[in-house]
Amino acid sequence: MNVGGKEYEILIRRRGETGYAAFCPELELIVNGTAHVQVEEKMRQLILEHVAKEQAAKGGAEVEKKEQS
């Protein structure tokens, strides 16, 4: 998954008869669920939330630098 020019890998694994897990090595996040699509969508949402928080933090840092100048 490419977001904001950065690639995030999503690894999905079946766990037992009724479970799935998705892992994003770049963010060290794991989500569990009962369907392949469910864990993939959950992970995609977490990645998007992470990127949004990261961008917000950068925006705030840039504002602070400008105020200090």
PDB file of N, CA and C in Angstrom:
ATOM      1  N   MET A   1       0.858  -1.170   0.000  1.00  0.00           N
ATOM      2  CA  MET A   1       0.000   0.000   0.000  1.00  0.00           C
ATOM      3  C   MET A   1       0.900   1.228   0.000  1.00  0.00           C
ATOM      4  N   ASN A   2       0.704   2.108  -0.962  1.00  0.00           N
ATOM      5  CA  ASN A   2       1.499   3.315  -1.063  1.00  0.00           C
ATOM      6  C   ASN A   2       0.658   4.499  -0.607  1.00  0.00           C
ATOM      7  N   VAL A   3       1.158   5.188   0.423  1.00  0.00           N
ATOM      8  CA  VAL A   3       0.454   6.359   0.947  1.00  0.00           C
ATOM      9  C   VAL A   3       1.467   7.476   1.112  1.00  0.00           C
ATOM     10  N   GLY A   4       1.201   8.593   0.501  1.00  0.00           N
ATOM     11  CA  GLY A   4       2.087   9.742   0.644  1.00  0.00           C
ATOM     12  C   GLY A   4       3.502   9.475   0.156  1.00  0.00           C
ATOM     13  N   GLY A   5       3.642   8.636  -0.841  1.00  0.00           N
ATOM     14  CA  GLY A   5       4.960   8.327  -1.384  1.00  0.00           C
ATOM     15  C   GLY A   5       5.742   7.292  -0.588  1.00  0.00           C
ATOM     16  N   LYS A   6       5.151   6.743   0.454  1.00  0.00           N
ATOM     17  CA  LYS A   6       5.820   5.732   1.268  1.00  0.00           C
ATOM     18  C   LYS A   6       5.074   4.405   1.141  1.00  0.00           C
ATOM     19  N   GLU A   7       5.826   3.334   1.029  1.00  0.00           N
ATOM     20  CA  GLU A   7       5.235   2.008   0.851  1.00  0.00           C
ATOM     21  C   GLU A   7       5.040   1.323   2.205  1.00  0.00           C
ATOM     22  N   TYR A   8       3.844   0.815   2.440  1.00  0.00           N
ATOM     23  CA  TYR A   8       3.520   0.057   3.649  1.00  0.00           C
ATOM     24  C   TYR A   8       3.097  -1.345   3.227  1.00  0.00           C
ATOM     25  N   GLU A   9       3.806  -2.338   3.718  1.00  0.00           N
ATOM     26  CA  GLU A   9       3.508  -3.725   3.375  1.00  0.00           C
ATOM     27  C   GLU A   9       2.436  -4.260   4.326  1.00  0.00           C
ATOM     28  N   ILE A  10       1.492  -5.020   3.789  1.00  0.00           N
ATOM     29  CA  ILE A  10       0.463  -5.663   4.607  1.00  0.00           C
ATOM     30  C   ILE A  10       0.567  -7.165   4.375  1.00  0.00           C
ATOM     31  N   LEU A  11       0.900  -7.883   5.430  1.00  0.00           N
ATOM     32  CA  LEU A  11       1.011  -9.340   5.373  1.00  0.00           C
ATOM     33  C   LEU A  11      -0.199  -9.937   6.069  1.00  0.00           C
ATOM     34  N   ILE A  12      -0.886 -10.846   5.395  1.00  0.00           N
ATOM     35  CA  ILE A  12      -2.087 -11.453   5.970  1.00  0.00           C
ATOM     36  C   ILE A  12      -1.884 -12.952   6.081  1.00  0.00           C
ATOM     37  N   ARG A  13      -2.256 -13.475   7.235  1.00  0.00           N
ATOM     38  CA  ARG A  13      -2.058 -14.896   7.517  1.00  0.00           C
ATOM     39  C   ARG A  13      -3.324 -15.478   8.123  1.00  0.00           C
ATOM     40  N   ARG A  14      -3.633 -16.675   7.706  1.00  0.00           N
ATOM     41  CA  ARG A  14      -4.766 -17.378   8.308  1.00  0.00           C
ATOM     42  C   ARG A  14      -4.306 -17.976   9.626  1.00  0.00           C
ATOM     43  N   ARG A  15      -5.148 -17.839  10.646  1.00  0.00           N
ATOM     44  CA  ARG A  15      -4.822 -18.360  11.979  1.00  0.00           C
ATOM     45  C   ARG A  15      -5.919 -19.332  12.388  1.00  0.00           C
ATOM     46  N   GLY A  16      -5.601 -20.597  12.362  1.00  0.00           N
ATOM     47  CA  GLY A  16      -6.584 -21.609  12.719  1.00  0.00           C
ATOM     48  C   GLY A  16      -7.664 -21.725  11.664  1.00  0.00           C
ATOM     49  N   GLU A  17      -8.813 -22.213  12.069  1.00  0.00           N
ATOM     50  CA  GLU A  17      -9.913 -22.437  11.136  1.00  0.00           C
ATOM     51  C   GLU A  17     -10.761 -21.188  10.886  1.00  0.00           C
ATOM     52  N   THR A  18     -10.795 -20.261  11.851  1.00  0.00           N
ATOM     53  CA  THR A  18     -11.734 -19.147  11.722  1.00  0.00           C
ATOM     54  C   THR A  18     -11.103 -17.778  11.897  1.00  0.00           C
ATOM     55  N   GLY A  19      -9.800 -17.697  11.898  1.00  0.00           N
ATOM     56  CA  GLY A  19      -9.189 -16.402  12.166  1.00  0.00           C
ATOM     57  C   GLY A  19      -8.168 -15.981  11.131  1.00  0.00           C
ATOM     58  N   TYR A  20      -7.946 -14.671  11.071  1.00  0.00           N
ATOM     59  CA  TYR A  20      -6.933 -14.076  10.200  1.00  0.00           C
ATOM     60  C   TYR A  20      -6.207 -13.002  10.990  1.00  0.00           C
ATOM     61  N   ALA A  21      -4.963 -12.756  10.602  1.00  0.00           N
ATOM     62  CA  ALA A  21      -4.186 -11.677  11.200  1.00  0.00           C
ATOM     63  C   ALA A  21      -3.497 -10.913  10.081  1.00  0.00           C
ATOM     64  N   ALA A  22      -3.412  -9.603  10.240  1.00  0.00           N
ATOM     65  CA  ALA A  22      -2.685  -8.759   9.300  1.00  0.00           C
ATOM     66  C   ALA A  22      -1.574  -8.066  10.070  1.00  0.00           C
ATOM     67  N   PHE A  23      -0.409  -7.954   9.433  1.00  0.00           N
ATOM     68  CA  PHE A  23       0.772  -7.361  10.055  1.00  0.00           C
ATOM     69  C   PHE A  23       1.368  -6.336   9.105  1.00  0.00           C
ATOM     70  N   CYS A  24       1.724  -5.185   9.638  1.00  0.00           N
ATOM     71  CA  CYS A  24       2.437  -4.162   8.878  1.00  0.00           C
ATOM     72  C   CYS A  24       3.815  -3.998   9.518  1.00  0.00           C
ATOM     73  N   PRO A  25       4.866  -4.537   8.875  1.00  0.00           N
ATOM     74  CA  PRO A  25       6.201  -4.476   9.477  1.00  0.00           C
ATOM     75  C   PRO A  25       6.733  -3.054   9.658  1.00  0.00           C
ATOM     76  N   GLU A  26       6.390  -2.152   8.764  1.00  0.00           N
ATOM     77  CA  GLU A  26       6.888  -0.784   8.862  1.00  0.00           C
ATOM     78  C   GLU A  26       6.381  -0.079  10.118  1.00  0.00           C
ATOM     79  N   LEU A  27       5.177  -0.405  10.547  1.00  0.00           N
ATOM     80  CA  LEU A  27       4.585   0.235  11.726  1.00  0.00           C
ATOM     81  C   LEU A  27       4.544  -0.688  12.934  1.00  0.00           C
ATOM     82  N   GLU A  28       4.929  -1.938  12.734  1.00  0.00           N
ATOM     83  CA  GLU A  28       4.890  -2.955  13.788  1.00  0.00           C
ATOM     84  C   GLU A  28       3.492  -3.070  14.395  1.00  0.00           C
ATOM     85  N   LEU A  29       2.489  -3.149  13.519  1.00  0.00           N
ATOM     86  CA  LEU A  29       1.091  -3.271  13.941  1.00  0.00           C
ATOM     87  C   LEU A  29       0.537  -4.620  13.533  1.00  0.00           C
ATOM     88  N   ILE A  30      -0.305  -5.182  14.394  1.00  0.00           N
ATOM     89  CA  ILE A  30      -0.993  -6.440  14.104  1.00  0.00           C
ATOM     90  C   ILE A  30      -2.471  -6.242  14.405  1.00  0.00           C
ATOM     91  N   VAL A  31      -3.322  -6.731  13.510  1.00  0.00           N
ATOM     92  CA  VAL A  31      -4.762  -6.753  13.781  1.00  0.00           C
ATOM     93  C   VAL A  31      -5.275  -8.174  13.542  1.00  0.00           C
ATOM     94  N   ASN A  32      -6.277  -8.560  14.288  1.00  0.00           N
ATOM     95  CA  ASN A  32      -6.882  -9.885  14.168  1.00  0.00           C
ATOM     96  C   ASN A  32      -8.342  -9.747  13.789  1.00  0.00           C
ATOM     97  N   GLY A  33      -8.862 -10.765  13.117  1.00  0.00           N
ATOM     98  CA  GLY A  33     -10.271 -10.766  12.745  1.00  0.00           C
ATOM     99  C   GLY A  33     -10.687 -12.133  12.255  1.00  0.00           C
ATOM    100  N   THR A  34     -11.893 -12.208  11.749  1.00  0.00           N
ATOM    101  CA  THR A  34     -12.432 -13.497  11.322  1.00  0.00           C
ATOM    102  C   THR A  34     -12.475 -13.667   9.805  1.00  0.00           C
ATOM    103  N   ALA A  35     -12.129 -12.612   9.055  1.00  0.00           N
ATOM    104  CA  ALA A  35     -12.152 -12.701   7.591  1.00  0.00           C
ATOM    105  C   ALA A  35     -10.951 -11.969   7.001  1.00  0.00           C
ATOM    106  N   HIS A  36     -10.473 -12.473   5.884  1.00  0.00           N
ATOM    107  CA  HIS A  36      -9.329 -11.883   5.183  1.00  0.00           C
ATOM    108  C   HIS A  36      -9.583 -10.406   4.885  1.00  0.00           C
ATOM    109  N   VAL A  37     -10.725 -10.118   4.295  1.00  0.00           N
ATOM    110  CA  VAL A  37     -11.072  -8.746   3.922  1.00  0.00           C
ATOM    111  C   VAL A  37     -11.160  -7.857   5.159  1.00  0.00           C
ATOM    112  N   GLN A  38     -11.682  -8.390   6.245  1.00  0.00           N
ATOM    113  CA  GLN A  38     -11.837  -7.623   7.479  1.00  0.00           C
ATOM    114  C   GLN A  38     -10.486  -7.141   7.998  1.00  0.00           C
ATOM    115  N   VAL A  39      -9.496  -8.037   8.094  1.00  0.00           N
ATOM    116  CA  VAL A  39      -8.201  -7.634   8.641  1.00  0.00           C
ATOM    117  C   VAL A  39      -7.455  -6.721   7.667  1.00  0.00           C
ATOM    118  N   GLU A  40      -7.643  -6.940   6.370  1.00  0.00           N
ATOM    119  CA  GLU A  40      -6.998  -6.068   5.388  1.00  0.00           C
ATOM    120  C   GLU A  40      -7.542  -4.648   5.493  1.00  0.00           C
ATOM    121  N   GLU A  41      -8.858  -4.519   5.588  1.00  0.00           N
ATOM    122  CA  GLU A  41      -9.477  -3.194   5.704  1.00  0.00           C
ATOM    123  C   GLU A  41      -9.089  -2.511   7.009  1.00  0.00           C
ATOM    124  N   LYS A  42      -9.061  -3.275   8.108  1.00  0.00           N
ATOM    125  CA  LYS A  42      -8.650  -2.705   9.403  1.00  0.00           C
ATOM    126  C   LYS A  42      -7.229  -2.161   9.316  1.00  0.00           C
ATOM    127  N   MET A  43      -6.324  -2.934   8.704  1.00  0.00           N
ATOM    128  CA  MET A  43      -4.932  -2.514   8.610  1.00  0.00           C
ATOM    129  C   MET A  43      -4.792  -1.290   7.713  1.00  0.00           C
ATOM    130  N   ARG A  44      -5.504  -1.278   6.599  1.00  0.00           N
ATOM    131  CA  ARG A  44      -5.458  -0.107   5.712  1.00  0.00           C
ATOM    132  C   ARG A  44      -5.909   1.153   6.467  1.00  0.00           C
ATOM    133  N   GLN A  45      -6.949   1.027   7.273  1.00  0.00           N
ATOM    134  CA  GLN A  45      -7.444   2.165   8.047  1.00  0.00           C
ATOM    135  C   GLN A  45      -6.409   2.621   9.073  1.00  0.00           C
ATOM    136  N   LEU A  46      -5.763   1.679   9.745  1.00  0.00           N
ATOM    137  CA  LEU A  46      -4.732   2.041  10.724  1.00  0.00           C
ATOM    138  C   LEU A  46      -3.556   2.743  10.059  1.00  0.00           C
ATOM    139  N   ILE A  47      -3.183   2.292   8.879  1.00  0.00           N
ATOM    140  CA  ILE A  47      -2.080   2.930   8.148  1.00  0.00           C
ATOM    141  C   ILE A  47      -2.475   4.359   7.772  1.00  0.00           C
ATOM    142  N   LEU A  48      -3.680   4.533   7.260  1.00  0.00           N
ATOM    143  CA  LEU A  48      -4.141   5.878   6.898  1.00  0.00           C
ATOM    144  C   LEU A  48      -4.185   6.797   8.117  1.00  0.00           C
ATOM    145  N   GLU A  49      -4.630   6.284   9.259  1.00  0.00           N
ATOM    146  CA  GLU A  49      -4.655   7.078  10.498  1.00  0.00           C
ATOM    147  C   GLU A  49      -3.240   7.454  10.923  1.00  0.00           C
ATOM    148  N   HIS A  50      -2.315   6.515  10.809  1.00  0.00           N
ATOM    149  CA  HIS A  50      -0.918   6.779  11.170  1.00  0.00           C
ATOM    150  C   HIS A  50      -0.348   7.894  10.293  1.00  0.00           C
ATOM    151  N   VAL A  51      -0.573   7.798   8.983  1.00  0.00           N
ATOM    152  CA  VAL A  51      -0.056   8.800   8.049  1.00  0.00           C
ATOM    153  C   VAL A  51      -0.669  10.169   8.346  1.00  0.00           C
ATOM    154  N   ALA A  52      -1.963  10.215   8.631  1.00  0.00           N
ATOM    155  CA  ALA A  52      -2.624  11.481   8.954  1.00  0.00           C
ATOM    156  C   ALA A  52      -2.031  12.101  10.215  1.00  0.00           C
ATOM    157  N   LYS A  53      -1.784  11.295  11.240  1.00  0.00           N
ATOM    158  CA  LYS A  53      -1.181  11.804  12.485  1.00  0.00           C
ATOM    159  C   LYS A  53       0.231  12.298  12.229  1.00  0.00           C
ATOM    160  N   GLU A  54       0.971  11.559  11.415  1.00  0.00           N
ATOM    161  CA  GLU A  54       2.347  11.936  11.082  1.00  0.00           C
ATOM    162  C   GLU A  54       2.360  13.279  10.343  1.00  0.00           C
ATOM    163  N   GLN A  55       1.455  13.454   9.396  1.00  0.00           N
ATOM    164  CA  GLN A  55       1.375  14.709   8.648  1.00  0.00           C
ATOM    165  C   GLN A  55       0.952  15.861   9.549  1.00  0.00           C
ATOM    166  N   ALA A  56       0.031  15.602  10.465  1.00  0.00           N
ATOM    167  CA  ALA A  56      -0.414  16.639  11.401  1.00  0.00           C
ATOM    168  C   ALA A  56       0.740  17.057  12.305  1.00  0.00           C
ATOM    169  N   ALA A  57       1.526  16.081  12.749  1.00  0.00           N
ATOM    170  CA  ALA A  57       2.668  16.380  13.617  1.00  0.00           C
ATOM    171  C   ALA A  57       3.711  17.198  12.859  1.00  0.00           C
ATOM    172  N   LYS A  58       3.951  16.869  11.611  1.00  0.00           N
ATOM    173  CA  LYS A  58       4.900  17.636  10.797  1.00  0.00           C
ATOM    174  C   LYS A  58       4.392  19.048  10.580  1.00  0.00           C
ATOM    175  N   GLY A  59       3.106  19.185  10.330  1.00  0.00           N
ATOM    176  CA  GLY A  59       2.518  20.510  10.141  1.00  0.00           C
ATOM    177  C   GLY A  59       2.664  21.360  11.382  1.00  0.00           C
ATOM    178  N   GLY A  60       2.441  20.765  12.537  1.00  0.00           N
ATOM    179  CA  GLY A  60       2.603  21.477  13.803  1.00  0.00           C
ATOM    180  C   GLY A  60       4.045  21.863  14.053  1.00  0.00           C
ATOM    181  N   ALA A  61       4.977  20.983  13.703  1.00  0.00           N
ATOM    182  CA  ALA A  61       6.397  21.273  13.888  1.00  0.00           C
ATOM    183  C   ALA A  61       6.832  22.412  12.978  1.00  0.00           C
ATOM    184  N   GLU A  62       6.303  22.448  11.749  1.00  0.00           N
ATOM    185  CA  GLU A  62       6.650  23.521  10.819  1.00  0.00           C
ATOM    186  C   GLU A  62       6.131  24.856  11.318  1.00  0.00           C
ATOM    187  N   VAL A  63       4.940  24.875  11.899  1.00  0.00           N
ATOM    188  CA  VAL A  63       4.373  26.101  12.440  1.00  0.00           C
ATOM    189  C   VAL A  63       5.249  26.605  13.590  1.00  0.00           C
ATOM    190  N   GLU A  64       5.684  25.710  14.477  1.00  0.00           N
ATOM    191  CA  GLU A  64       6.533  26.093  15.606  1.00  0.00           C
ATOM    192  C   GLU A  64       7.843  26.685  15.119  1.00  0.00           C
ATOM    193  N   LYS A  65       8.446  26.074  14.093  1.00  0.00           N
ATOM    194  CA  LYS A  65       9.717  26.593  13.553  1.00  0.00           C
ATOM    195  C   LYS A  65       9.534  27.999  12.996  1.00  0.00           C
ATOM    196  N   LYS A  66       8.423  28.227  12.285  1.00  0.00           N
ATOM    197  CA  LYS A  66       8.161  29.550  11.701  1.00  0.00           C
ATOM    198  C   LYS A  66       7.953  30.583  12.799  1.00  0.00           C
ATOM    199  N   GLU A  67       7.284  30.206  13.882  1.00  0.00           N
ATOM    200  CA  GLU A  67       7.019  31.136  14.973  1.00  0.00           C
ATOM    201  C   GLU A  67       8.306  31.512  15.691  1.00  0.00           C
ATOM    202  N   GLN A  68       9.263  30.591  15.776  1.00  0.00           N
ATOM    203  CA  GLN A  68      10.522  30.837  16.456  1.00  0.00           C
ATOM    204  C   GLN A  68      11.442  31.731  15.634  1.00  0.00           C
ATOM    205  N   SER A  69      11.256  31.747  14.320  1.00  0.00           N
ATOM    206  CA  SER A  69      12.138  32.552  13.441  1.00  0.00           C
ATOM    207  C   SER A  69      11.924  34.030  13.594  1.00  0.00           C
TER     208      SER A  69
END
